[in-house]
Amino acid sequence: MQTNPTAPTLVVVPVQPELPPRVDSSQLLRGRRTVEIEHGEQTYTLRVTKDNKLILTK
């Protein structure tokens, strides 16, 4: 099989999935233990527990 030196070369680049944006919780909470988040017509509450975990409730 002969190759054509003028033929374009195919380069395969692995596609990495796009990472979701990351927001530090301190930016959302701004020193508070709870914050309300509006999503469409719903309101959610993001709360920090006594064990420093996050809970999101409707």
N, C-alpha and C. Protein backbone atom coordinates (compact mmCIF):
# COMPACT_ATOMS: atom_id res chain seq x y z
N MET A 1 0.85 -1.18 0.00
CA MET A 1 0.00 0.00 0.00
C MET A 1 0.89 1.24 0.00
N GLN A 2 0.61 2.16 -0.89
CA GLN A 2 1.38 3.39 -0.97
C GLN A 2 0.63 4.50 -0.28
N THR A 3 1.38 5.44 0.31
CA THR A 3 0.76 6.58 0.98
C THR A 3 0.88 7.80 0.11
N ASN A 4 -0.05 8.71 0.27
CA ASN A 4 -0.07 9.95 -0.48
C ASN A 4 0.50 11.05 0.41
N PRO A 5 1.68 11.59 0.10
CA PRO A 5 2.29 12.60 0.96
C PRO A 5 1.51 13.90 1.03
N THR A 6 0.58 14.15 0.13
CA THR A 6 -0.19 15.40 0.15
C THR A 6 -1.55 15.22 0.83
N ALA A 7 -1.87 14.00 1.24
CA ALA A 7 -3.15 13.76 1.90
C ALA A 7 -3.11 14.34 3.31
N PRO A 8 -4.23 14.91 3.78
CA PRO A 8 -4.25 15.47 5.14
C PRO A 8 -4.06 14.36 6.17
N THR A 9 -3.43 14.72 7.26
CA THR A 9 -3.20 13.77 8.34
C THR A 9 -4.33 13.89 9.35
N LEU A 10 -4.86 12.76 9.74
CA LEU A 10 -5.93 12.73 10.74
C LEU A 10 -5.30 12.65 12.12
N VAL A 11 -5.63 13.62 12.96
CA VAL A 11 -5.12 13.64 14.33
C VAL A 11 -6.29 13.38 15.25
N VAL A 12 -6.17 12.36 16.07
CA VAL A 12 -7.23 12.02 17.02
C VAL A 12 -6.88 12.62 18.37
N VAL A 13 -7.78 13.47 18.87
CA VAL A 13 -7.58 14.12 20.17
C VAL A 13 -8.64 13.58 21.11
N PRO A 14 -8.24 13.00 22.23
CA PRO A 14 -9.25 12.49 23.17
C PRO A 14 -10.11 13.63 23.71
N VAL A 15 -11.40 13.39 23.75
CA VAL A 15 -12.34 14.40 24.23
C VAL A 15 -12.56 14.18 25.72
N GLN A 16 -12.35 15.24 26.49
CA GLN A 16 -12.60 15.15 27.92
C GLN A 16 -13.95 15.78 28.20
N PRO A 17 -14.74 15.14 29.04
CA PRO A 17 -16.04 15.73 29.36
C PRO A 17 -15.86 17.08 30.04
N GLU A 18 -16.76 17.98 29.72
CA GLU A 18 -16.69 19.31 30.32
C GLU A 18 -17.02 19.22 31.80
N LEU A 19 -16.17 19.80 32.62
CA LEU A 19 -16.39 19.79 34.05
C LEU A 19 -17.41 20.85 34.42
N PRO A 20 -18.28 20.56 35.40
CA PRO A 20 -19.25 21.57 35.82
C PRO A 20 -18.55 22.71 36.54
N PRO A 21 -19.14 23.89 36.51
CA PRO A 21 -18.54 25.00 37.26
C PRO A 21 -18.51 24.67 38.75
N ARG A 22 -17.51 25.20 39.45
CA ARG A 22 -17.36 24.93 40.89
C ARG A 22 -17.47 26.25 41.64
N VAL A 23 -18.31 26.26 42.67
CA VAL A 23 -18.50 27.44 43.52
C VAL A 23 -18.21 27.03 44.94
N ASP A 24 -17.38 27.80 45.63
CA ASP A 24 -17.09 27.52 47.03
C ASP A 24 -18.33 27.85 47.86
N SER A 25 -18.67 26.98 48.79
CA SER A 25 -19.87 27.19 49.60
C SER A 25 -19.83 28.51 50.37
N SER A 26 -18.64 28.97 50.73
CA SER A 26 -18.54 30.23 51.47
C SER A 26 -19.02 31.41 50.61
N GLN A 27 -18.91 31.28 49.30
CA GLN A 27 -19.41 32.35 48.42
C GLN A 27 -20.93 32.38 48.44
N LEU A 28 -21.56 31.23 48.58
CA LEU A 28 -23.03 31.19 48.65
C LEU A 28 -23.54 31.59 50.03
N LEU A 29 -22.89 31.10 51.06
CA LEU A 29 -23.38 31.30 52.42
C LEU A 29 -22.97 32.64 53.02
N ARG A 30 -21.84 33.19 52.61
CA ARG A 30 -21.34 34.48 53.09
C ARG A 30 -21.39 34.61 54.61
N GLY A 31 -20.87 33.57 55.31
CA GLY A 31 -20.78 33.62 56.77
C GLY A 31 -22.04 33.22 57.50
N ARG A 32 -23.07 32.85 56.79
CA ARG A 32 -24.32 32.45 57.44
C ARG A 32 -24.45 30.94 57.45
N ARG A 33 -25.41 30.42 58.20
CA ARG A 33 -25.65 28.97 58.27
C ARG A 33 -26.69 28.52 57.25
N THR A 34 -27.52 29.44 56.77
CA THR A 34 -28.54 29.08 55.78
C THR A 34 -28.61 30.15 54.69
N VAL A 35 -29.05 29.72 53.53
CA VAL A 35 -29.29 30.64 52.42
C VAL A 35 -30.45 30.08 51.60
N GLU A 36 -31.30 30.95 51.10
CA GLU A 36 -32.40 30.53 50.24
C GLU A 36 -31.98 30.67 48.80
N ILE A 37 -32.33 29.67 48.00
CA ILE A 37 -31.98 29.65 46.59
C ILE A 37 -33.27 29.57 45.78
N GLU A 38 -33.48 30.53 44.90
CA GLU A 38 -34.64 30.51 44.03
C GLU A 38 -34.28 29.79 42.74
N HIS A 39 -35.11 28.81 42.38
CA HIS A 39 -34.92 28.05 41.15
C HIS A 39 -36.27 27.98 40.46
N GLY A 40 -36.42 28.78 39.41
CA GLY A 40 -37.74 28.88 38.77
C GLY A 40 -38.71 29.49 39.75
N GLU A 41 -39.81 28.81 39.98
CA GLU A 41 -40.82 29.30 40.93
C GLU A 41 -40.68 28.64 42.30
N GLN A 42 -39.65 27.85 42.49
CA GLN A 42 -39.43 27.15 43.76
C GLN A 42 -38.34 27.83 44.58
N THR A 43 -38.46 27.73 45.88
CA THR A 43 -37.43 28.23 46.79
C THR A 43 -36.87 27.05 47.57
N TYR A 44 -35.55 26.95 47.60
CA TYR A 44 -34.85 25.89 48.31
C TYR A 44 -34.02 26.53 49.42
N THR A 45 -33.77 25.77 50.47
CA THR A 45 -32.93 26.24 51.57
C THR A 45 -31.68 25.38 51.63
N LEU A 46 -30.52 26.03 51.57
CA LEU A 46 -29.24 25.36 51.73
C LEU A 46 -28.78 25.65 53.15
N ARG A 47 -28.52 24.59 53.91
CA ARG A 47 -28.21 24.74 55.33
C ARG A 47 -26.94 23.98 55.68
N VAL A 48 -26.14 24.56 56.57
CA VAL A 48 -24.95 23.90 57.10
C VAL A 48 -25.35 23.24 58.42
N THR A 49 -25.05 21.94 58.55
CA THR A 49 -25.40 21.21 59.77
C THR A 49 -24.33 21.45 60.85
N LYS A 50 -24.59 20.94 62.04
CA LYS A 50 -23.62 21.08 63.13
C LYS A 50 -22.35 20.28 62.84
N ASP A 51 -22.44 19.30 61.93
CA ASP A 51 -21.26 18.51 61.52
C ASP A 51 -20.59 19.09 60.29
N ASN A 52 -20.97 20.33 59.93
CA ASN A 52 -20.40 21.06 58.79
C ASN A 52 -20.67 20.38 57.45
N LYS A 53 -21.85 19.77 57.34
CA LYS A 53 -22.28 19.19 56.06
C LYS A 53 -23.39 20.07 55.50
N LEU A 54 -23.65 19.94 54.20
CA LEU A 54 -24.68 20.75 53.56
C LEU A 54 -25.94 19.93 53.33
N ILE A 55 -27.08 20.55 53.57
CA ILE A 55 -28.38 19.94 53.28
C ILE A 55 -29.18 20.94 52.45
N LEU A 56 -29.74 20.46 51.34
CA LEU A 56 -30.59 21.27 50.47
C LEU A 56 -32.00 20.74 50.59
N THR A 57 -32.94 21.60 51.03
CA THR A 57 -34.34 21.19 51.18
C THR A 57 -35.23 22.11 50.39
N LYS A 58 -36.39 21.59 50.04
CA LYS A 58 -37.38 22.34 49.27
C LYS A 58 -38.36 22.99 50.22
